Amino acid sequence: MSTNDKTISRESLLGMMQAYKTTSLLRTGVTMGVFDCLAEGPIDAETVAGRLGSDVRGMRILLNALAAVGLAVEDGGRFALPAGAERLLVSKSPEYLGDMVRVMASDWEWDALKKLHDAVRHGGTVMEVHAETPGYEYWEDFASYAVAVARPTAHVVADALEPWAVGRESLDVLDVACGHGMYGLTLAQRNPRAQVWALDWPNVLPLTEQHAERMGVRERVHRLPGDMFEVPLGGPYDVVLVTNVLHHFSAERAGDLLARLAPAVKPDGKIVLVGFTLDAPPAEDPAPHLFSILMLTWTFEGEVHTVQDYTHMLDRAGFVNGRRYEVPGLAFRVLVADKAAGPAQGL
């Protein structure tokens, strides 16, 4: 028996059944601006309701519930932020994480998970509109709000590439399914010679460009709108970034994408993969297994892949010397591999 085995109790089951309520409280607090308001506390429900244009009774019930789950502190009918909230839940904070509820607790995800039982029976998504639908509006929210999680991972990528990148005459970067673009944009911030080609759906790229403008690299970012399996790639590139997308497909389909990208990489270039990997039993590393559930409800054949799967994909596509990097505080892994010897060409 594993040392991670736990006894199921009445309390734990009831807690699981009600976990969505805590998520709803957090999402409501963020979207209404409650935590920004409480940053000025201690403050009573009537004052918060007045500032946010809410019914007083409704706000009182919400604030008490937030206090019940530890997202607020109540003292004599007045409310304030608990420790840590000012750093993570107040929008002016540089470490603000609240907007991730618009990604990780979005209506798109909730609606898909409501049909998990159908997805299990079917073996894939039963949604009419889902993660593989061209122009899916969810990716606009992802590009807008997932920066807080992407930023530390992007710095791990930049750190891993820096010794190699610093001496190069050029640093042409293809950022595949770029979304917010943090990975390519961070490389551009670090390397004045870097030029970034951002590949994603046409409805997403304007948001990528907004981030590029804020980061001071807009003039070095170029659009490649379209389907990553079909759009002409251009190139060749010094580095190709494939971040948080291969889990949308079967290992075979993901390998097909890497094989398509390989000819666009320079002979001495690199490829970077970012995402969850399966490295341990579910009880020891639950995050990738829970993410696979979302992929089951949201894609045709997607799931989180093993490190061995990625090694096989890279080898099949002609990449060697794979190295893995951890992201502190996050379940993502960064895989960096070199282009095997051979001619490069654009597509």
Protein backbone atom coordinates (compact mmCIF):
# COMPACT_ATOMS: atom_id res chain seq x y z
CA MET A 1 0.00 0.00 0.00
CA SER A 2 1.30 3.47 -0.88
CA THR A 3 2.27 5.82 1.92
CA ASN A 4 0.03 8.35 0.16
CA ASP A 5 -3.13 6.27 0.63
CA LYS A 6 -5.71 8.14 2.67
CA THR A 7 -8.89 6.96 4.32
CA ILE A 8 -12.04 8.39 2.79
CA SER A 9 -14.16 9.98 5.49
CA ARG A 10 -17.63 11.46 5.65
CA GLU A 11 -16.06 14.89 6.14
CA SER A 12 -13.73 14.60 3.15
CA LEU A 13 -16.53 13.49 0.84
CA LEU A 14 -18.83 16.29 1.95
CA GLY A 15 -15.98 18.73 1.46
CA MET A 16 -15.47 17.54 -2.12
CA MET A 17 -19.19 17.88 -2.81
CA GLN A 18 -19.10 21.53 -1.76
CA ALA A 19 -15.73 22.59 -3.17
CA TYR A 20 -17.42 24.39 -6.05
CA LYS A 21 -18.96 26.80 -3.54
CA THR A 22 -15.53 27.97 -2.41
CA THR A 23 -14.52 28.43 -6.05
CA SER A 24 -17.71 30.44 -6.62
CA LEU A 25 -16.91 32.67 -3.64
CA LEU A 26 -13.40 33.36 -4.86
CA ARG A 27 -14.59 34.06 -8.39
CA THR A 28 -17.34 36.39 -7.18
CA GLY A 29 -14.97 38.27 -4.87
CA VAL A 30 -12.55 38.85 -7.74
CA THR A 31 -15.08 39.80 -10.42
CA MET A 32 -16.98 42.20 -8.13
CA GLY A 33 -13.81 43.89 -6.82
CA VAL A 34 -14.49 42.89 -3.21
CA PHE A 35 -10.84 42.22 -2.35
CA ASP A 36 -9.73 45.61 -3.66
CA CYS A 37 -12.39 47.18 -1.46
CA LEU A 38 -11.37 45.19 1.62
CA ALA A 39 -7.79 46.38 1.18
CA GLU A 40 -9.08 49.64 2.70
CA GLY A 41 -10.63 47.79 5.68
CA PRO A 42 -11.73 47.00 8.26
CA ILE A 43 -14.99 47.99 6.61
CA ASP A 44 -18.64 47.04 7.05
CA ALA A 45 -20.93 45.36 4.52
CA GLU A 46 -23.02 48.48 3.94
CA THR A 47 -19.96 50.51 2.94
CA VAL A 48 -18.67 47.76 0.64
CA ALA A 49 -22.11 47.43 -0.95
CA GLY A 50 -22.29 51.19 -1.53
CA ARG A 51 -18.89 51.32 -3.18
CA LEU A 52 -19.56 48.32 -5.41
CA GLY A 53 -23.19 49.09 -6.25
CA SER A 54 -24.54 45.97 -4.55
CA ASP A 55 -27.53 45.08 -2.41
CA VAL A 56 -26.52 45.38 1.27
CA ARG A 57 -28.03 42.07 2.36
CA GLY A 58 -26.41 40.25 -0.56
CA MET A 59 -23.02 41.76 0.26
CA ARG A 60 -23.34 40.90 3.95
CA ILE A 61 -24.03 37.26 3.12
CA LEU A 62 -21.14 37.18 0.64
CA LEU A 63 -18.66 38.74 3.07
CA ASN A 64 -19.61 36.36 5.87
CA ALA A 65 -19.18 33.41 3.51
CA LEU A 66 -15.78 34.73 2.38
CA ALA A 67 -14.81 34.93 6.05
CA ALA A 68 -16.07 31.39 6.59
CA VAL A 69 -13.65 29.98 4.01
CA GLY A 70 -10.70 32.16 5.01
CA LEU A 71 -10.88 34.69 2.17
CA ALA A 72 -11.80 37.53 4.54
CA VAL A 73 -11.51 38.30 8.25
CA GLU A 74 -14.62 39.35 10.20
CA ASP A 75 -14.56 41.24 13.49
CA GLY A 76 -17.74 42.75 14.92
CA GLY A 77 -19.43 43.11 11.55
CA ARG A 78 -16.41 44.68 9.89
CA PHE A 79 -14.32 42.91 7.29
CA ALA A 80 -10.67 42.99 6.23
CA LEU A 81 -8.23 40.95 4.17
CA PRO A 82 -6.51 37.89 5.65
CA ALA A 83 -2.73 37.51 5.54
CA GLY A 84 -1.45 37.07 1.99
CA ALA A 85 -4.56 38.42 0.28
CA GLU A 86 -3.17 41.93 -0.21
CA ARG A 87 -0.29 40.41 -2.18
CA LEU A 88 -2.31 37.92 -4.25
CA LEU A 89 -5.89 39.23 -4.47
CA VAL A 90 -5.54 43.03 -4.69
CA SER A 91 -5.33 44.04 -8.34
CA LYS A 92 -2.64 46.71 -7.84
CA SER A 93 -0.19 44.18 -6.44
CA PRO A 94 2.62 43.07 -8.79
CA GLU A 95 1.94 39.48 -7.62
CA TYR A 96 -1.82 39.68 -8.30
CA LEU A 97 -3.25 36.24 -9.07
CA GLY A 98 -6.97 36.95 -8.91
CA ASP A 99 -7.58 37.18 -12.64
CA MET A 100 -6.63 33.51 -13.02
CA VAL A 101 -10.20 32.70 -11.92
CA ARG A 102 -11.22 33.89 -15.37
CA VAL A 103 -9.09 31.06 -16.77
CA MET A 104 -9.07 28.25 -14.19
CA ALA A 105 -12.69 28.80 -13.08
CA SER A 106 -14.14 30.01 -16.35
CA ASP A 107 -17.64 29.23 -17.55
CA TRP A 108 -16.06 27.36 -20.48
CA GLU A 109 -14.32 24.93 -18.13
CA TRP A 110 -17.30 24.60 -15.80
CA ASP A 111 -19.68 23.90 -18.67
CA ALA A 112 -17.35 21.22 -20.04
CA LEU A 113 -16.86 19.53 -16.67
CA LYS A 114 -20.61 19.33 -16.15
CA LYS A 115 -20.52 16.77 -18.98
CA LEU A 116 -17.57 14.78 -17.66
CA HIS A 117 -19.65 11.61 -17.41
CA ASP A 118 -20.57 11.91 -21.09
CA ALA A 119 -16.95 12.58 -22.03
CA VAL A 120 -15.83 9.47 -20.13
CA ARG A 121 -18.40 7.32 -21.96
CA HIS A 122 -17.55 8.91 -25.30
CA GLY A 123 -13.76 9.02 -24.82
CA GLY A 124 -13.47 12.73 -25.61
CA THR A 125 -15.32 16.01 -25.73
CA VAL A 126 -19.06 16.08 -26.38
CA MET A 127 -19.16 19.90 -26.46
CA GLU A 128 -20.22 21.62 -29.67
CA VAL A 129 -17.63 24.36 -29.00
CA HIS A 130 -14.43 23.32 -27.28
CA ALA A 131 -10.67 23.83 -27.02
CA GLU A 132 -10.03 22.65 -30.58
CA THR A 133 -12.66 24.93 -32.15
CA PRO A 134 -11.02 27.57 -34.40
CA GLY A 135 -11.36 31.05 -32.93
CA TYR A 136 -12.54 29.73 -29.53
CA GLU A 137 -13.23 32.79 -27.37
CA TYR A 138 -11.75 31.17 -24.26
CA TRP A 139 -8.27 31.72 -25.70
CA GLU A 140 -8.86 35.46 -25.59
CA ASP A 141 -9.37 35.28 -21.82
CA PHE A 142 -6.38 32.96 -21.52
CA ALA A 143 -4.22 35.46 -23.41
CA SER A 144 -5.51 38.31 -21.26
CA TYR A 145 -5.37 36.79 -17.78
CA ALA A 146 -2.91 33.86 -17.61
CA VAL A 147 0.16 36.09 -17.48
CA ALA A 148 0.60 35.73 -13.71
CA VAL A 149 1.21 31.99 -14.04
CA ALA A 150 3.09 32.19 -17.34
CA ARG A 151 5.59 34.84 -16.24
CA PRO A 152 7.68 32.70 -13.83
CA THR A 153 7.70 29.82 -16.32
CA ALA A 154 8.84 32.19 -19.08
CA HIS A 155 11.77 33.27 -16.91
CA VAL A 156 12.77 29.63 -16.41
CA VAL A 157 12.77 29.23 -20.20
CA ALA A 158 14.81 32.41 -20.69
CA ASP A 159 17.29 31.36 -18.00
CA ALA A 160 17.72 27.93 -19.59
CA LEU A 161 18.41 29.46 -23.02
CA GLU A 162 20.50 32.43 -21.93
CA PRO A 163 24.01 30.87 -22.02
CA TRP A 164 23.32 29.68 -25.57
CA ALA A 165 21.43 32.75 -26.76
CA VAL A 166 23.78 35.45 -25.51
CA GLY A 167 26.51 34.77 -28.06
CA ARG A 168 24.33 34.36 -31.14
CA GLU A 169 24.26 36.85 -34.00
CA SER A 170 20.49 36.46 -34.25
CA LEU A 171 17.67 35.09 -32.14
CA ASP A 172 14.67 34.45 -34.35
CA VAL A 173 11.88 32.93 -32.26
CA LEU A 174 8.74 31.10 -33.38
CA ASP A 175 6.17 31.04 -30.55
CA VAL A 176 3.60 28.37 -31.46
CA ALA A 177 0.09 28.76 -30.01
CA CYS A 178 1.56 31.79 -28.26
CA GLY A 179 -1.59 33.05 -26.48
CA HIS A 180 -0.40 35.83 -24.18
CA GLY A 181 3.06 35.48 -25.73
CA MET A 182 4.98 35.66 -22.46
CA TYR A 183 7.55 33.07 -23.49
CA GLY A 184 8.63 34.76 -26.69
CA LEU A 185 8.18 38.27 -25.31
CA THR A 186 10.39 37.50 -22.30
CA LEU A 187 13.12 36.27 -24.64
CA ALA A 188 12.75 39.51 -26.60
CA GLN A 189 13.08 41.57 -23.41
CA ARG A 190 16.24 39.71 -22.47
CA ASN A 191 17.80 39.78 -25.95
CA PRO A 192 17.74 43.03 -27.96
CA ARG A 193 18.50 41.08 -31.17
CA ALA A 194 15.49 38.77 -30.75
CA GLN A 195 12.65 38.84 -33.27
CA VAL A 196 9.46 36.93 -32.38
CA TRP A 197 6.94 35.39 -34.76
CA ALA A 198 3.71 34.86 -32.79
CA LEU A 199 1.50 32.06 -34.14
CA ASP A 200 -2.09 31.77 -32.94
CA TRP A 201 -5.69 32.30 -34.00
CA PRO A 202 -6.45 35.77 -35.44
CA ASN A 203 -8.74 36.63 -32.49
CA VAL A 204 -5.89 36.02 -30.01
CA LEU A 205 -2.96 37.88 -31.59
CA PRO A 206 -4.21 41.43 -30.83
CA LEU A 207 -3.99 40.52 -27.14
CA THR A 208 -0.47 39.18 -27.63
CA GLU A 209 0.45 42.50 -29.18
CA GLN A 210 -1.00 44.39 -26.21
CA HIS A 211 1.34 42.48 -23.89
CA ALA A 212 4.22 43.14 -26.29
CA GLU A 213 3.45 46.86 -26.16
CA ARG A 214 3.47 46.86 -22.35
CA MET A 215 6.76 44.98 -22.33
CA GLY A 216 8.40 47.38 -24.77
CA VAL A 217 9.04 44.86 -27.57
CA ARG A 218 6.08 45.43 -29.92
CA GLU A 219 8.27 46.47 -32.89
CA ARG A 220 10.02 43.07 -32.79
CA VAL A 221 6.87 40.93 -32.78
CA HIS A 222 5.35 39.64 -36.04
CA ARG A 223 1.98 37.96 -36.59
CA LEU A 224 1.48 34.43 -37.94
CA PRO A 225 -2.31 34.00 -37.77
CA GLY A 226 -3.87 30.61 -38.34
CA ASP A 227 -3.86 26.90 -37.51
CA MET A 228 -0.44 25.66 -36.31
CA PHE A 229 -0.94 22.44 -38.29
CA GLU A 230 -1.56 24.35 -41.53
CA VAL A 231 -0.17 27.91 -41.54
CA PRO A 232 3.10 28.44 -43.46
CA LEU A 233 5.77 28.67 -40.77
CA GLY A 234 8.45 30.75 -42.47
CA GLY A 235 11.84 30.61 -40.82
CA PRO A 236 14.23 29.05 -40.26
CA TYR A 237 14.29 29.98 -36.56
CA ASP A 238 16.90 29.80 -33.85
CA VAL A 239 14.35 28.57 -31.32
CA VAL A 240 10.80 27.27 -31.52
CA LEU A 241 8.57 27.49 -28.44
CA VAL A 242 5.68 25.02 -28.05
CA THR A 243 4.04 25.92 -24.76
CA ASN A 244 0.99 24.46 -23.03
CA VAL A 245 -0.56 23.04 -26.16
CA LEU A 246 0.67 19.48 -26.82
CA HIS A 247 -1.66 18.13 -24.11
CA HIS A 248 -4.58 19.05 -26.39
CA PHE A 249 -3.70 16.12 -28.64
CA SER A 250 -2.82 12.45 -28.55
CA ALA A 251 0.88 11.66 -28.30
CA GLU A 252 0.84 10.71 -32.00
CA ARG A 253 -0.82 13.97 -33.07
CA ALA A 254 1.51 16.01 -30.83
CA GLY A 255 4.45 14.22 -32.43
CA ASP A 256 3.09 15.12 -35.87
CA LEU A 257 3.17 18.79 -34.86
CA LEU A 258 6.79 18.59 -33.68
CA ALA A 259 7.74 16.83 -36.91
CA ARG A 260 6.09 19.64 -38.87
CA LEU A 261 8.01 22.26 -36.88
CA ALA A 262 11.40 20.57 -37.12
CA PRO A 263 12.34 21.70 -40.65
CA ALA A 264 11.78 25.32 -39.59
CA VAL A 265 14.49 25.08 -36.90
CA LYS A 266 18.08 26.05 -37.79
CA PRO A 267 20.69 23.26 -37.70
CA ASP A 268 22.10 24.59 -34.44
CA GLY A 269 18.70 25.67 -33.11
CA LYS A 270 16.57 24.48 -30.21
CA ILE A 271 13.01 23.56 -29.41
CA VAL A 272 11.34 24.32 -26.06
CA LEU A 273 8.29 22.49 -24.72
CA VAL A 274 6.32 23.70 -21.69
CA GLY A 275 3.50 21.88 -19.93
CA PHE A 276 2.48 19.28 -17.43
CA THR A 277 4.17 15.89 -17.51
CA LEU A 278 3.25 12.59 -15.91
CA ASP A 279 6.16 11.58 -13.69
CA ALA A 280 4.64 10.06 -10.58
CA PRO A 281 1.62 8.11 -9.30
CA PRO A 282 -1.59 10.19 -9.12
CA ALA A 283 -1.58 10.55 -5.33
CA GLU A 284 1.98 11.90 -5.37
CA ASP A 285 1.49 14.39 -8.22
CA PRO A 286 -2.25 15.05 -8.70
CA ALA A 287 -2.11 18.21 -10.85
CA PRO A 288 -1.41 16.61 -14.26
CA HIS A 289 -4.03 13.93 -13.70
CA LEU A 290 -6.66 16.53 -12.82
CA PHE A 291 -5.66 18.52 -15.89
CA SER A 292 -6.12 15.42 -18.05
CA ILE A 293 -9.75 15.36 -16.89
CA LEU A 294 -10.22 18.84 -18.37
CA MET A 295 -8.59 17.67 -21.61
CA LEU A 296 -10.95 14.68 -21.71
CA THR A 297 -13.98 16.99 -21.54
CA TRP A 298 -12.53 19.65 -23.82
CA THR A 299 -10.63 17.91 -26.64
CA PHE A 300 -10.98 14.91 -28.92
CA GLU A 301 -7.90 12.97 -27.77
CA GLY A 302 -5.95 15.24 -25.45
CA GLU A 303 -4.30 14.32 -22.14
CA VAL A 304 -1.10 15.02 -20.25
CA HIS A 305 1.82 12.99 -21.63
CA THR A 306 4.69 11.23 -19.91
CA VAL A 307 8.30 12.33 -20.12
CA GLN A 308 8.91 9.15 -22.12
CA ASP A 309 6.22 10.23 -24.59
CA TYR A 310 7.92 13.60 -25.04
CA THR A 311 11.31 11.96 -25.46
CA HIS A 312 9.86 9.76 -28.21
CA MET A 313 8.17 12.75 -29.91
CA LEU A 314 11.40 14.76 -29.89
CA ASP A 315 13.49 11.86 -31.16
CA ARG A 316 11.01 11.17 -33.95
CA ALA A 317 11.10 14.85 -34.98
CA GLY A 318 14.91 14.98 -34.99
CA PHE A 319 15.70 16.65 -31.67
CA VAL A 320 18.34 15.38 -29.25
CA ASN A 321 19.95 16.08 -25.86
CA GLY A 322 16.69 16.83 -24.06
CA ARG A 323 17.00 18.61 -20.70
CA ARG A 324 14.24 19.12 -18.14
CA TYR A 325 13.79 22.16 -15.89
CA GLU A 326 11.40 22.56 -12.98
CA VAL A 327 9.32 25.70 -12.31
CA PRO A 328 9.36 26.58 -8.59
CA GLY A 329 5.86 26.61 -7.13
CA LEU A 330 4.19 25.33 -10.30
CA ALA A 331 3.53 21.89 -11.74
CA PHE A 332 4.84 22.81 -15.20
CA ARG A 333 8.02 21.37 -16.66
CA VAL A 334 10.25 22.92 -19.29
CA LEU A 335 11.91 20.62 -21.83
CA VAL A 336 14.72 21.95 -24.05
CA ALA A 337 16.23 19.93 -26.91
CA ASP A 338 18.73 20.55 -29.72
CA LYS A 339 18.13 20.17 -33.43
CA ALA A 340 19.95 17.12 -34.72
CA ALA A 341 22.44 17.67 -37.53
CA GLY A 342 20.78 18.28 -40.90
CA PRO A 343 19.61 21.05 -43.23
CA ALA A 344 17.04 23.60 -42.10
CA GLN A 345 14.39 25.11 -44.34
CA GLY A 346 11.29 27.24 -44.10
CA LEU A 347 7.81 25.90 -44.81
